[in-house]
Protein backbone atom coordinates (compact mmCIF):
# COMPACT_ATOMS: atom_id res chain seq x y z
CA UNK A 1 -36.70 38.07 3.11
CA UNK A 2 -36.92 37.11 -0.57
CA UNK A 3 -38.03 39.80 -3.01
CA UNK A 4 -41.31 39.19 -4.81
CA UNK A 5 -41.06 37.99 -8.38
CA UNK A 6 -42.47 40.15 -11.17
CA UNK A 7 -45.38 37.74 -11.59
CA UNK A 8 -46.27 37.93 -7.92
CA UNK A 9 -46.05 41.74 -7.92
CA UNK A 10 -48.27 41.77 -10.98
CA UNK A 11 -50.77 39.45 -9.29
CA UNK A 12 -50.93 41.64 -6.17
CA UNK A 13 -51.37 44.75 -8.35
CA UNK A 14 -54.21 43.05 -10.29
CA UNK A 15 -55.92 42.08 -7.05
CA UNK A 16 -55.51 45.66 -5.78
CA UNK A 17 -56.94 47.02 -9.03
CA UNK A 18 -59.98 44.75 -8.80
CA UNK A 19 -60.53 45.77 -5.16
CA UNK A 20 -60.44 49.44 -6.12
CA UNK A 21 -62.91 49.12 -8.95
CA UNK A 22 -65.29 46.94 -6.95
CA UNK A 23 -65.21 49.27 -3.94
CA UNK A 24 -65.97 52.11 -6.32
CA UNK A 25 -69.00 50.19 -7.63
CA UNK A 26 -70.19 49.72 -4.03
CA UNK A 27 -69.86 53.46 -3.33
CA UNK A 28 -71.82 54.26 -6.49
CA UNK A 29 -74.57 51.80 -5.55
CA UNK A 30 -74.96 53.47 -2.14
CA UNK A 31 -74.69 56.96 -3.66
CA UNK A 32 -77.55 56.36 -6.08
CA UNK A 33 -79.91 55.89 -3.17
CA UNK A 34 -79.68 59.70 -2.67
CA UNK A 35 -78.75 60.95 -6.15
CA UNK A 36 -80.52 60.44 -9.50
CA UNK A 37 -78.88 58.16 -12.01
CA UNK A 38 -77.53 60.72 -14.48
CA UNK A 39 -76.41 63.10 -11.77
CA UNK A 40 -74.42 60.33 -10.14
CA UNK A 41 -72.81 59.34 -13.46
CA UNK A 42 -72.07 62.98 -14.21
CA UNK A 43 -70.37 63.68 -10.89
CA UNK A 44 -68.37 60.48 -11.08
CA UNK A 45 -67.37 61.35 -14.62
CA UNK A 46 -66.04 64.75 -13.52
CA UNK A 47 -64.02 63.03 -10.80
CA UNK A 48 -62.71 60.50 -13.36
CA UNK A 49 -61.56 63.31 -15.66
CA UNK A 50 -59.73 65.01 -12.88
CA UNK A 51 -58.07 61.70 -11.92
CA UNK A 52 -57.02 60.96 -15.49
CA UNK A 53 -55.55 64.46 -15.98
CA UNK A 54 -53.54 64.03 -12.80
CA UNK A 55 -52.41 60.55 -13.97
CA UNK A 56 -51.40 62.01 -17.34
CA UNK A 57 -48.91 64.23 -15.48
CA UNK A 58 -47.42 61.16 -13.82
CA UNK A 59 -47.33 59.13 -17.03
CA UNK A 60 -45.82 61.85 -19.20
CA UNK A 61 -48.75 63.88 -20.53
CA UNK A 62 -51.56 63.59 -23.02
CA UNK A 63 -51.14 63.22 -26.83
CA UNK A 64 -54.14 63.79 -29.10
CA UNK A 65 -52.15 63.38 -32.30
CA UNK A 66 -53.09 60.05 -33.90
CA UNK A 67 -53.90 58.70 -37.39
CA UNK A 68 -57.43 58.99 -38.74
CA UNK A 69 -57.93 55.19 -38.40
CA UNK A 70 -57.13 55.41 -34.73
CA UNK A 71 -59.46 58.38 -34.24
CA UNK A 72 -62.30 56.28 -35.67
CA UNK A 73 -61.54 53.48 -33.24
CA UNK A 74 -61.21 55.90 -30.35
CA UNK A 75 -64.58 57.49 -31.08
CA UNK A 76 -66.25 54.09 -31.46
CA UNK A 77 -64.65 53.05 -28.18
CA UNK A 78 -65.99 56.22 -26.53
CA UNK A 79 -69.53 55.57 -27.74
CA UNK A 80 -69.20 52.01 -26.39
CA UNK A 81 -67.99 53.42 -23.02
CA UNK A 82 -71.12 55.63 -22.88
CA UNK A 83 -73.39 52.58 -23.52
CA UNK A 84 -71.50 50.40 -21.09
CA UNK A 85 -71.62 52.99 -18.33
CA UNK A 86 -75.35 53.62 -18.72
CA UNK A 87 -76.39 49.94 -18.73
CA UNK A 88 -73.90 48.89 -16.08
CA UNK A 89 -74.92 51.62 -13.61
CA UNK A 90 -78.58 50.88 -14.25
CA UNK A 91 -78.00 47.17 -13.57
CA UNK A 92 -75.86 47.98 -10.52
CA UNK A 93 -78.63 50.16 -9.04
CA UNK A 94 -81.26 47.41 -9.31
CA UNK A 95 -79.31 44.16 -8.91
CA UNK A 96 -77.04 42.61 -6.26
CA UNK A 97 -73.46 43.79 -6.83
CA UNK A 98 -72.14 40.19 -6.90
CA UNK A 99 -74.56 39.25 -9.71
CA UNK A 100 -73.55 42.23 -11.87
CA UNK A 101 -69.89 41.64 -11.22
CA UNK A 102 -70.22 37.95 -12.08
CA UNK A 103 -71.92 38.68 -15.41
CA UNK A 104 -69.05 41.01 -16.34
CA UNK A 105 -66.57 38.20 -15.75
CA UNK A 106 -67.68 36.64 -19.04
CA UNK A 107 -65.80 39.46 -20.88
CA UNK A 108 -62.61 37.42 -21.57
CA UNK A 109 -64.85 34.82 -23.28
CA UNK A 110 -66.83 37.36 -25.34
CA UNK A 111 -63.68 39.20 -26.41
CA UNK A 112 -61.99 35.93 -27.45
CA UNK A 113 -65.01 34.79 -29.43
CA UNK A 114 -65.57 38.17 -31.08
CA UNK A 115 -61.92 38.42 -32.06
CA UNK A 116 -62.19 35.04 -33.75
CA UNK A 117 -65.39 35.97 -35.58
CA UNK A 118 -64.39 39.48 -36.65
CA UNK A 119 -60.62 39.31 -37.08
CA UNK A 120 -59.96 35.67 -37.78
CA UNK A 121 -58.06 34.93 -34.54
CA UNK A 122 -57.78 31.18 -34.19
CA UNK A 123 -59.35 29.43 -31.20
CA UNK A 124 -59.18 25.68 -30.65
CA UNK A 125 -62.05 23.40 -29.81
CA UNK A 126 -61.12 23.44 -26.10
CA UNK A 127 -61.45 27.23 -25.79
CA UNK A 128 -64.59 27.23 -27.94
CA UNK A 129 -66.15 24.63 -25.64
CA UNK A 130 -65.09 26.66 -22.60
CA UNK A 131 -66.77 29.76 -24.09
CA UNK A 132 -69.99 27.86 -24.67
CA UNK A 133 -70.00 26.49 -21.13
CA UNK A 134 -69.21 29.97 -19.80
CA UNK A 135 -72.26 31.36 -21.57
CA UNK A 136 -74.38 28.67 -19.93
CA UNK A 137 -73.06 29.95 -16.59
CA UNK A 138 -74.12 33.51 -17.47
CA UNK A 139 -77.59 32.33 -18.50
CA UNK A 140 -77.90 30.70 -15.08
CA UNK A 141 -76.99 33.99 -13.37
CA UNK A 142 -79.44 36.06 -15.49
CA UNK A 143 -82.21 33.42 -15.62
CA UNK A 144 -84.69 35.77 -13.83
CA UNK A 145 -84.10 38.44 -16.47
CA UNK A 146 -84.84 35.98 -19.22
CA UNK A 147 -88.22 35.21 -17.72
CA UNK A 148 -89.10 38.88 -17.30
CA UNK A 149 -88.68 38.98 -13.49
CA UNK A 150 -85.58 41.17 -13.60
CA UNK A 151 -85.00 43.01 -16.86
CA UNK A 152 -81.96 44.72 -15.35
CA UNK A 153 -80.10 41.44 -15.75
CA UNK A 154 -80.49 42.07 -19.46
CA UNK A 155 -79.03 45.56 -18.86
CA UNK A 156 -75.92 43.84 -17.48
CA UNK A 157 -75.70 41.71 -20.64
CA UNK A 158 -76.02 44.92 -22.72
CA UNK A 159 -73.11 46.33 -20.72
CA UNK A 160 -71.06 43.24 -21.54
CA UNK A 161 -71.80 43.77 -25.25
CA UNK A 162 -70.67 47.41 -25.13
CA UNK A 163 -67.55 46.62 -23.11
CA UNK A 164 -66.64 43.88 -25.60
CA UNK A 165 -66.80 46.40 -28.43
CA UNK A 166 -64.76 48.86 -26.35
CA UNK A 167 -62.04 46.30 -25.63
CA UNK A 168 -61.95 45.13 -29.29
CA UNK A 169 -61.43 48.75 -30.39
CA UNK A 170 -58.61 49.12 -27.84
CA UNK A 171 -56.88 45.99 -29.21
CA UNK A 172 -56.91 47.40 -32.75
CA UNK A 173 -55.36 50.76 -31.86
CA UNK A 174 -51.81 51.52 -32.84
CA UNK A 175 -49.19 50.80 -30.18
CA UNK A 176 -48.12 54.44 -29.92
CA UNK A 177 -51.59 55.78 -28.97
CA UNK A 178 -51.62 57.02 -25.33
CA UNK A 179 -53.79 54.85 -23.04
CA UNK A 180 -54.56 57.77 -20.75
CA UNK A 181 -55.61 59.89 -23.73
CA UNK A 182 -58.02 57.15 -24.84
CA UNK A 183 -59.47 56.86 -21.35
CA UNK A 184 -59.83 60.65 -21.05
CA UNK A 185 -61.73 60.95 -24.34
CA UNK A 186 -64.07 58.17 -23.19
CA UNK A 187 -64.63 59.92 -19.80
CA UNK A 188 -65.42 63.21 -21.59
CA UNK A 189 -67.99 61.35 -23.71
CA UNK A 190 -69.64 59.88 -20.65
CA UNK A 191 -69.77 63.28 -18.93
CA UNK A 192 -71.32 64.87 -21.97
CA UNK A 193 -73.94 62.11 -22.28
CA UNK A 194 -74.82 62.26 -18.54
CA UNK A 195 -75.02 66.06 -18.66
CA UNK A 196 -77.71 65.76 -21.32
CA UNK A 197 -79.45 63.08 -19.23
CA UNK A 198 -79.56 65.32 -16.13
CA UNK A 199 -81.96 67.59 -18.05
CA UNK A 200 -84.66 64.92 -17.56
CA UNK A 201 -84.08 64.72 -13.80
CA UNK A 202 -84.46 67.08 -10.88
CA UNK A 203 -81.00 68.03 -9.60
CA UNK A 204 -80.49 67.01 -5.97
CA UNK A 205 -78.21 68.80 -3.51
CA UNK A 206 -75.18 66.74 -2.60
CA UNK A 207 -75.31 65.88 1.13
CA UNK A 208 -72.28 65.39 3.35
CA UNK A 209 -72.74 61.63 3.04
CA UNK A 210 -72.88 61.81 -0.76
CA UNK A 211 -69.79 64.01 -0.83
CA UNK A 212 -67.90 61.46 1.26
CA UNK A 213 -69.03 58.68 -1.06
CA UNK A 214 -67.91 60.61 -4.10
CA UNK A 215 -64.52 61.28 -2.47
CA UNK A 216 -64.17 57.60 -1.56
CA UNK A 217 -65.15 56.60 -5.11
CA UNK A 218 -62.49 58.97 -6.48
CA UNK A 219 -59.88 57.38 -4.20
CA UNK A 220 -60.86 53.88 -5.29
CA UNK A 221 -60.93 54.82 -8.99
CA UNK A 222 -57.50 56.39 -8.70
CA UNK A 223 -56.13 53.31 -6.91
CA UNK A 224 -57.77 51.00 -9.44
CA UNK A 225 -56.44 52.85 -12.47
CA UNK A 226 -52.93 53.18 -11.08
CA UNK A 227 -52.75 49.53 -10.11
CA UNK A 228 -54.12 48.40 -13.49
CA UNK A 229 -51.55 50.46 -15.37
CA UNK A 230 -48.73 49.20 -13.18
CA UNK A 231 -50.00 45.65 -13.67
CA UNK A 232 -49.37 45.88 -17.39
CA UNK A 233 -45.72 46.79 -16.74
CA UNK A 234 -44.65 43.81 -14.68
CA UNK A 235 -44.89 40.07 -15.05
CA UNK A 236 -46.59 37.86 -17.64
CA UNK A 237 -50.12 38.96 -18.43
CA UNK A 238 -51.20 35.32 -18.98
CA UNK A 239 -50.18 34.59 -15.38
CA UNK A 240 -51.60 37.77 -13.91
CA UNK A 241 -54.97 37.97 -15.83
CA UNK A 242 -56.85 35.22 -13.89
CA UNK A 243 -56.43 37.26 -10.67
CA UNK A 244 -59.07 39.66 -12.10
CA UNK A 245 -61.59 37.21 -10.70
CA UNK A 246 -60.77 38.37 -7.16
CA UNK A 247 -63.24 41.13 -7.90
CA UNK A 248 -65.94 38.53 -7.32
CA UNK A 249 -64.68 37.89 -3.79
CA UNK A 250 -64.91 41.60 -3.06
CA UNK A 251 -68.36 41.79 -4.65
CA UNK A 252 -69.64 38.85 -2.64
CA UNK A 253 -68.26 40.25 0.60
CA UNK A 254 -69.52 43.84 -0.02
CA UNK A 255 -72.91 42.52 -1.19
CA UNK A 256 -73.33 40.57 2.05
CA UNK A 257 -71.87 43.14 4.52
CA UNK A 258 -73.15 46.43 2.97
CA UNK A 259 -76.31 45.40 1.12
CA UNK A 260 -77.35 42.18 2.85
CA UNK A 261 -77.32 40.24 -0.43
CA UNK A 262 -76.03 36.75 -1.04
CA UNK A 263 -76.49 34.72 -4.27
CA UNK A 264 -78.71 31.63 -4.11
CA UNK A 265 -77.16 28.23 -4.82
CA UNK A 266 -78.06 28.22 -8.51
CA UNK A 267 -76.64 31.68 -9.09
CA UNK A 268 -73.47 30.68 -7.19
CA UNK A 269 -73.18 27.66 -9.51
CA UNK A 270 -73.35 29.99 -12.49
CA UNK A 271 -70.65 32.23 -10.97
CA UNK A 272 -68.36 29.21 -10.47
CA UNK A 273 -68.91 28.08 -14.08
CA UNK A 274 -68.05 31.54 -15.48
CA UNK A 275 -64.87 31.80 -13.34
CA UNK A 276 -63.65 28.27 -14.18
CA UNK A 277 -64.22 28.66 -17.93
CA UNK A 278 -62.58 32.07 -17.97
CA UNK A 279 -59.58 30.80 -16.02
CA UNK A 280 -59.32 27.83 -18.41
CA UNK A 281 -59.34 30.24 -21.36
CA UNK A 282 -56.43 32.18 -19.80
CA UNK A 283 -54.58 28.91 -19.16
CA UNK A 284 -54.99 27.75 -22.78
CA UNK A 285 -53.84 31.16 -24.14
CA UNK A 286 -50.78 31.02 -21.90
CA UNK A 287 -49.98 27.44 -22.93
CA UNK A 288 -50.33 28.25 -26.68
CA UNK A 289 -48.13 31.32 -26.25
CA UNK A 290 -45.43 29.13 -24.72
CA UNK A 291 -45.65 26.67 -27.59
CA UNK A 292 -45.34 29.47 -30.14
CA UNK A 293 -42.31 30.87 -28.40
CA UNK A 294 -40.43 27.55 -28.62
């Protein structure tokens, strides 16, 4: 039997990572039927912190020593993480999981466009056109939100905005800054924010079912984080990155099997547009990288 290439191993790891994160989202959506919003975020945040501390042992420990410039970026990233978590979980609670997941797939386009606008990164007319078409796809998906029928679609767009800022901050950090340390600081910020939010809610006892869902979410988060970190260590990221869209397959399947949801034809068309334009953007970036390396 032939050994898998680094690119194929990376692709499999990326698909595993997306499966882990999407299954975690499904667990949270079910969990919030029994638990209030902030309590669910708080408990998941505690689990995330434990997972990250355990991961830091495996990856060589935490390191909080970093330049002042990096601390500013880390704190900005953490505030963005708080905003992204609040708006994403709110949208996930009130919208089909496939719709929310599809809206988040526009992130490669928003990050590319924002990098060009803020940092002068060059993008050709092909990628710019793909970005514009991709945004049309997103507008199709959230069309009900734009007419006031589902304002939580706008929450999903707010989450995209915050995640874009988060990812841009991560890109500007110095190479020596520990990824696990960054993630841990963000998780601590989310836990602190949700702890304040729980003061406005009545605390609900965690049932056996909720405990099992929290444990499952912890397992999926751990698997997702581990796979995503391992993904960055093998293969070419330009080849591997498009496999992030497999999260949509998981979201569609879980939405139908667990929640009885299936996107209508127009929404499905929007999903296809977002995926194709994102994949084209990855393809162009890979092609340009190959040209530069010649």
